Amino acid sequence: METTLHNPSSLQANLNWLTEKEKQVLWLIAMGLNSKAIAVRLDVRPKSVDNYKNRIGKKLGLKGYGALVSFIRANNVFAMTEKTTGT
């Protein structure tokens, strides 16, 4: 099931619940990087990236990586996270 927030301010409000590191991970997922590549980019272990992904999913009410990717695509999260991470 796909979770879509049609109101951009609702999406922004949900992203505000994320830590800066979680926002970075979300942005890198949106760019198409896998856990290993994200870990290298952020200088953390891949297991840490998996933990960030799990926390992001919980905060956004998503179950599983597929739901997270669907959420990113449906809500144009790449553009939203660019604004919040300053990248």
C-alpha atoms as a PDB file:
ATOM      1  CA  MET A   1       0.000   0.000   0.000  1.00  0.00           C
ATOM      2  CA  GLU A   2       1.353   3.379  -1.011  1.00  0.00           C
ATOM      3  CA  THR A   3       1.340   6.287   1.404  1.00  0.00           C
ATOM      4  CA  THR A   4       0.947   9.641  -0.304  1.00  0.00           C
ATOM      5  CA  LEU A   5       0.709  12.992   1.371  1.00  0.00           C
ATOM      6  CA  HIS A   6      -1.007  15.290  -1.094  1.00  0.00           C
ATOM      7  CA  ASN A   7      -0.429  18.375   1.009  1.00  0.00           C
ATOM      8  CA  PRO A   8       3.233  19.451   0.751  1.00  0.00           C
ATOM      9  CA  SER A   9       3.031  21.122   4.153  1.00  0.00           C
ATOM     10  CA  SER A  10       2.000  17.758   5.663  1.00  0.00           C
ATOM     11  CA  LEU A  11       5.022  16.138   4.061  1.00  0.00           C
ATOM     12  CA  GLN A  12       7.239  18.918   5.383  1.00  0.00           C
ATOM     13  CA  ALA A  13       5.746  18.493   8.850  1.00  0.00           C
ATOM     14  CA  ASN A  14       6.503  14.757   8.742  1.00  0.00           C
ATOM     15  CA  LEU A  15      10.057  15.427   7.582  1.00  0.00           C
ATOM     16  CA  ASN A  16      10.509  17.799  10.516  1.00  0.00           C
ATOM     17  CA  TRP A  17      10.211  14.761  12.821  1.00  0.00           C
ATOM     18  CA  LEU A  18      13.344  13.310  11.226  1.00  0.00           C
ATOM     19  CA  THR A  19      16.846  13.983  12.510  1.00  0.00           C
ATOM     20  CA  GLU A  20      19.341  15.600  10.144  1.00  0.00           C
ATOM     21  CA  LYS A  21      21.063  12.225   9.633  1.00  0.00           C
ATOM     22  CA  GLU A  22      17.706  10.579   8.839  1.00  0.00           C
ATOM     23  CA  LYS A  23      16.976  13.332   6.320  1.00  0.00           C
ATOM     24  CA  GLN A  24      20.372  12.740   4.714  1.00  0.00           C
ATOM     25  CA  VAL A  25      19.664   9.012   4.480  1.00  0.00           C
ATOM     26  CA  LEU A  26      16.221   9.683   3.001  1.00  0.00           C
ATOM     27  CA  TRP A  27      17.731  12.041   0.412  1.00  0.00           C
ATOM     28  CA  LEU A  28      20.399   9.499  -0.526  1.00  0.00           C
ATOM     29  CA  ILE A  29      17.755   6.777  -0.874  1.00  0.00           C
ATOM     30  CA  ALA A  30      15.836   9.169  -3.130  1.00  0.00           C
ATOM     31  CA  MET A  31      19.034   9.527  -5.202  1.00  0.00           C
ATOM     32  CA  GLY A  32      19.016   5.740  -5.649  1.00  0.00           C
ATOM     33  CA  LEU A  33      21.907   4.774  -3.366  1.00  0.00           C
ATOM     34  CA  ASN A  34      21.878   1.461  -1.512  1.00  0.00           C
ATOM     35  CA  SER A  35      22.794   0.996   2.159  1.00  0.00           C
ATOM     36  CA  LYS A  36      26.443   0.296   1.462  1.00  0.00           C
ATOM     37  CA  ALA A  37      26.854   3.377  -0.740  1.00  0.00           C
ATOM     38  CA  ILE A  38      24.994   5.526   1.790  1.00  0.00           C
ATOM     39  CA  ALA A  39      27.257   4.186   4.558  1.00  0.00           C
ATOM     40  CA  VAL A  40      30.357   5.148   2.589  1.00  0.00           C
ATOM     41  CA  ARG A  41      28.955   8.598   1.822  1.00  0.00           C
ATOM     42  CA  LEU A  42      28.043   9.271   5.477  1.00  0.00           C
ATOM     43  CA  ASP A  43      31.062   7.462   6.955  1.00  0.00           C
ATOM     44  CA  VAL A  44      28.933   5.069   9.010  1.00  0.00           C
ATOM     45  CA  ARG A  45      28.407   1.304   8.954  1.00  0.00           C
ATOM     46  CA  PRO A  46      25.763  -0.206   6.650  1.00  0.00           C
ATOM     47  CA  LYS A  47      23.952  -1.526   9.740  1.00  0.00           C
ATOM     48  CA  SER A  48      23.638   2.080  10.950  1.00  0.00           C
ATOM     49  CA  VAL A  49      22.043   3.003   7.636  1.00  0.00           C
ATOM     50  CA  ASP A  50      19.574   0.139   8.047  1.00  0.00           C
ATOM     51  CA  ASN A  51      18.740   1.447  11.524  1.00  0.00           C
ATOM     52  CA  TYR A  52      18.167   4.942  10.114  1.00  0.00           C
ATOM     53  CA  LYS A  53      15.872   3.495   7.438  1.00  0.00           C
ATOM     54  CA  ASN A  54      13.884   1.619  10.070  1.00  0.00           C
ATOM     55  CA  ARG A  55      13.504   4.745  12.213  1.00  0.00           C
ATOM     56  CA  ILE A  56      12.452   6.788   9.173  1.00  0.00           C
ATOM     57  CA  GLY A  57       9.823   4.168   8.341  1.00  0.00           C
ATOM     58  CA  LYS A  58       8.474   4.191  11.890  1.00  0.00           C
ATOM     59  CA  LYS A  59       8.323   7.982  12.048  1.00  0.00           C
ATOM     60  CA  LEU A  60       6.521   8.156   8.697  1.00  0.00           C
ATOM     61  CA  GLY A  61       4.243   5.192   9.457  1.00  0.00           C
ATOM     62  CA  LEU A  62       5.703   2.989   6.717  1.00  0.00           C
ATOM     63  CA  LYS A  63       6.384  -0.746   6.856  1.00  0.00           C
ATOM     64  CA  GLY A  64       9.363  -2.019   4.917  1.00  0.00           C
ATOM     65  CA  TYR A  65      11.848  -0.636   2.464  1.00  0.00           C
ATOM     66  CA  GLY A  66       9.454  -0.976  -0.482  1.00  0.00           C
ATOM     67  CA  ALA A  67       6.914   1.249   1.261  1.00  0.00           C
ATOM     68  CA  LEU A  68       9.655   3.789   1.957  1.00  0.00           C
ATOM     69  CA  VAL A  69      10.724   3.856  -1.702  1.00  0.00           C
ATOM     70  CA  SER A  70       7.083   4.159  -2.835  1.00  0.00           C
ATOM     71  CA  PHE A  71       6.600   7.037  -0.389  1.00  0.00           C
ATOM     72  CA  ILE A  72       9.715   8.788  -1.735  1.00  0.00           C
ATOM     73  CA  ARG A  73       8.506   8.481  -5.327  1.00  0.00           C
ATOM     74  CA  ALA A  74       4.872   9.387  -4.646  1.00  0.00           C
ATOM     75  CA  ASN A  75       5.750  12.485  -2.639  1.00  0.00           C
ATOM     76  CA  ASN A  76       8.730  13.788  -4.623  1.00  0.00           C
ATOM     77  CA  VAL A  77      10.769  13.529  -1.437  1.00  0.00           C
ATOM     78  CA  PHE A  78      13.977  14.227  -3.340  1.00  0.00           C
ATOM     79  CA  ALA A  79      12.918  17.842  -3.867  1.00  0.00           C
ATOM     80  CA  MET A  80      11.581  18.204  -0.328  1.00  0.00           C
ATOM     81  CA  THR A  81      14.702  16.812   1.322  1.00  0.00           C
ATOM     82  CA  GLU A  82      16.929  19.044  -0.792  1.00  0.00           C
ATOM     83  CA  LYS A  83      15.215  21.985   0.904  1.00  0.00           C
ATOM     84  CA  THR A  84      15.514  20.553   4.412  1.00  0.00           C
ATOM     85  CA  THR A  85      19.076  19.219   4.178  1.00  0.00           C
ATOM     86  CA  GLY A  86      20.503  22.147   2.267  1.00  0.00           C
ATOM     87  CA  THR A  87      22.080  19.877  -0.349  1.00  0.00           C
END
